[in-house]
Protein backbone atom coordinates (compact mmCIF):
# COMPACT_ATOMS: atom_id res chain seq x y z
CA MET A 1 -159.85 32.44 13.13
CA LYS A 2 -160.55 30.36 16.20
CA LYS A 3 -161.89 26.87 15.76
CA THR A 4 -164.87 25.37 17.47
CA ASP A 5 -164.28 22.96 20.33
CA PRO A 6 -165.11 19.46 19.02
CA GLU A 7 -165.81 18.09 22.51
CA LEU A 8 -168.18 20.95 23.26
CA GLU A 9 -169.98 20.42 19.94
CA ILE A 10 -170.47 16.72 20.73
CA LYS A 11 -171.94 17.60 24.15
CA TRP A 12 -174.11 20.29 22.54
CA GLY A 13 -175.45 17.82 19.97
CA LYS A 14 -176.27 15.32 22.73
CA LEU A 15 -178.07 18.05 24.66
CA LEU A 16 -180.14 19.01 21.61
CA ASN A 17 -181.12 15.35 21.25
CA ARG A 18 -182.03 15.21 24.95
CA VAL A 19 -184.19 18.33 24.68
CA GLU A 20 -185.91 16.92 21.60
CA VAL A 21 -186.88 13.85 23.63
CA LEU A 22 -188.08 16.06 26.51
CA ILE A 23 -190.25 18.45 24.52
CA GLY A 24 -190.82 16.66 21.23
CA LYS A 25 -189.06 19.31 19.16
CA ARG A 26 -185.38 19.96 18.50
CA PRO A 27 -184.29 23.56 19.14
CA THR A 28 -182.79 25.00 15.98
CA ASP A 29 -180.12 27.16 17.58
CA LEU A 30 -178.67 28.75 20.69
CA ASN A 31 -181.48 31.31 20.85
CA GLY A 32 -184.05 28.52 20.86
CA MET A 33 -182.33 26.95 23.83
CA LEU A 34 -182.18 30.29 25.64
CA PHE A 35 -185.89 30.81 24.99
CA LEU A 36 -186.69 27.39 26.49
CA ILE A 37 -184.57 28.10 29.58
CA GLY A 38 -186.21 31.50 29.97
CA MET A 39 -189.66 29.89 29.83
CA GLN A 40 -188.59 27.31 32.40
CA GLU A 41 -187.21 29.97 34.74
CA LEU A 42 -190.30 32.15 34.38
CA GLY A 43 -192.47 29.17 35.22
CA GLN A 44 -195.62 30.37 33.45
CA GLY A 45 -195.74 27.46 31.05
CA VAL A 46 -196.39 27.43 27.35
CA ARG A 47 -198.31 30.47 26.14
CA THR A 48 -198.03 33.15 23.51
CA TYR A 49 -195.31 35.68 24.27
CA SER A 50 -194.87 39.10 22.68
CA LYS A 51 -191.64 39.89 20.86
CA GLU A 52 -190.47 41.93 23.87
CA GLU A 53 -191.34 39.09 26.27
CA LYS A 54 -189.37 36.64 24.09
CA GLN A 55 -186.34 38.94 24.33
CA ASP A 56 -186.86 39.20 28.09
CA LEU A 57 -187.06 35.39 28.36
CA MET A 58 -183.75 35.05 26.54
CA HIS A 59 -182.21 37.67 28.84
CA ILE A 60 -183.46 35.74 31.88
CA ALA A 61 -181.84 32.62 30.48
CA VAL A 62 -178.51 34.32 29.81
CA CYS A 63 -178.46 35.72 33.34
CA LYS A 64 -179.41 32.36 34.85
CA VAL A 65 -176.75 30.35 33.04
CA LEU A 66 -174.04 32.98 33.54
CA SER A 67 -174.88 33.07 37.25
CA TYR A 68 -173.06 29.71 37.44
CA SER A 69 -169.81 31.63 36.88
CA GLY A 70 -170.78 34.44 39.24
CA PHE A 71 -171.54 37.06 36.59
CA TYR A 72 -175.17 37.57 37.60
CA GLU A 73 -177.14 37.31 40.81
CA LEU A 74 -180.89 37.02 41.21
CA GLU A 75 -182.26 40.23 42.71
CA GLY A 76 -185.82 39.03 43.06
CA VAL A 77 -189.09 38.46 41.30
CA ASP A 78 -191.55 41.21 40.38
CA GLU A 79 -195.31 41.20 41.00
CA ASP A 80 -195.90 39.48 37.63
CA GLY A 81 -193.51 36.65 38.50
CA TRP A 82 -190.64 37.78 36.28
CA PRO A 83 -187.15 37.27 37.76
CA HIS A 84 -184.75 40.21 37.79
CA TRP A 85 -180.99 39.78 37.76
CA LYS A 86 -178.11 42.13 38.44
CA LEU A 87 -174.63 42.03 36.98
CA VAL A 88 -172.18 41.43 39.84
CA LYS A 89 -168.99 40.72 37.91
CA SER A 90 -168.01 42.30 34.60
CA LEU A 91 -168.09 40.00 31.64
CA PRO A 92 -164.75 39.70 29.84
CA HIS A 93 -164.61 40.86 26.23
CA PHE A 94 -165.27 37.86 24.03
CA ASP A 95 -165.49 37.45 20.30
CA LEU A 96 -168.67 35.90 18.93
CA LEU A 97 -167.37 32.32 18.96
CA GLU A 98 -166.10 32.65 22.54
CA GLN A 99 -169.48 34.06 23.63
CA GLU A 100 -171.28 31.19 21.93
CA ASN A 101 -168.99 28.59 23.51
CA LEU A 102 -169.40 30.13 26.97
CA LEU A 103 -173.19 30.10 26.64
CA LYS A 104 -173.24 26.54 25.27
CA THR A 105 -171.05 25.33 28.15
CA HIS A 106 -173.34 26.96 30.72
CA ILE A 107 -176.51 25.76 29.00
CA ILE A 108 -175.17 22.20 29.16
CA GLU A 109 -174.46 22.76 32.86
CA TYR A 110 -177.99 24.14 33.34
CA PHE A 111 -179.59 21.00 31.96
CA ASP A 112 -177.23 18.80 33.98
CA ARG A 113 -178.19 20.65 37.17
CA GLU A 114 -181.90 21.19 36.58
CA PHE A 115 -182.93 18.02 34.75
CA GLN A 116 -181.14 15.06 36.28
């Protein structure tokens, strides 16, 4: 069993604290962070989203953060303002912990880039 990266977990905890200060609520998990990034990237503000839209927002977020490593590229935005991404480099096979660590690393990078 692989262990978590203590340095990454410290950075992740600091990011959760930072987001709590920004929005007044601490995200409970990775999916919460992805949802927030998806909302930010969509740019339509806080509103009620359907279950399908919430899944789409999380997909937008995954594509955005993984674009930093060249896995995804923005294709464009549709008439409703939703961004569409295409896979340009195959993702390596990761176990669940490796996937989580990759996403956490890129989410930290996202906030460093987008919210200086």
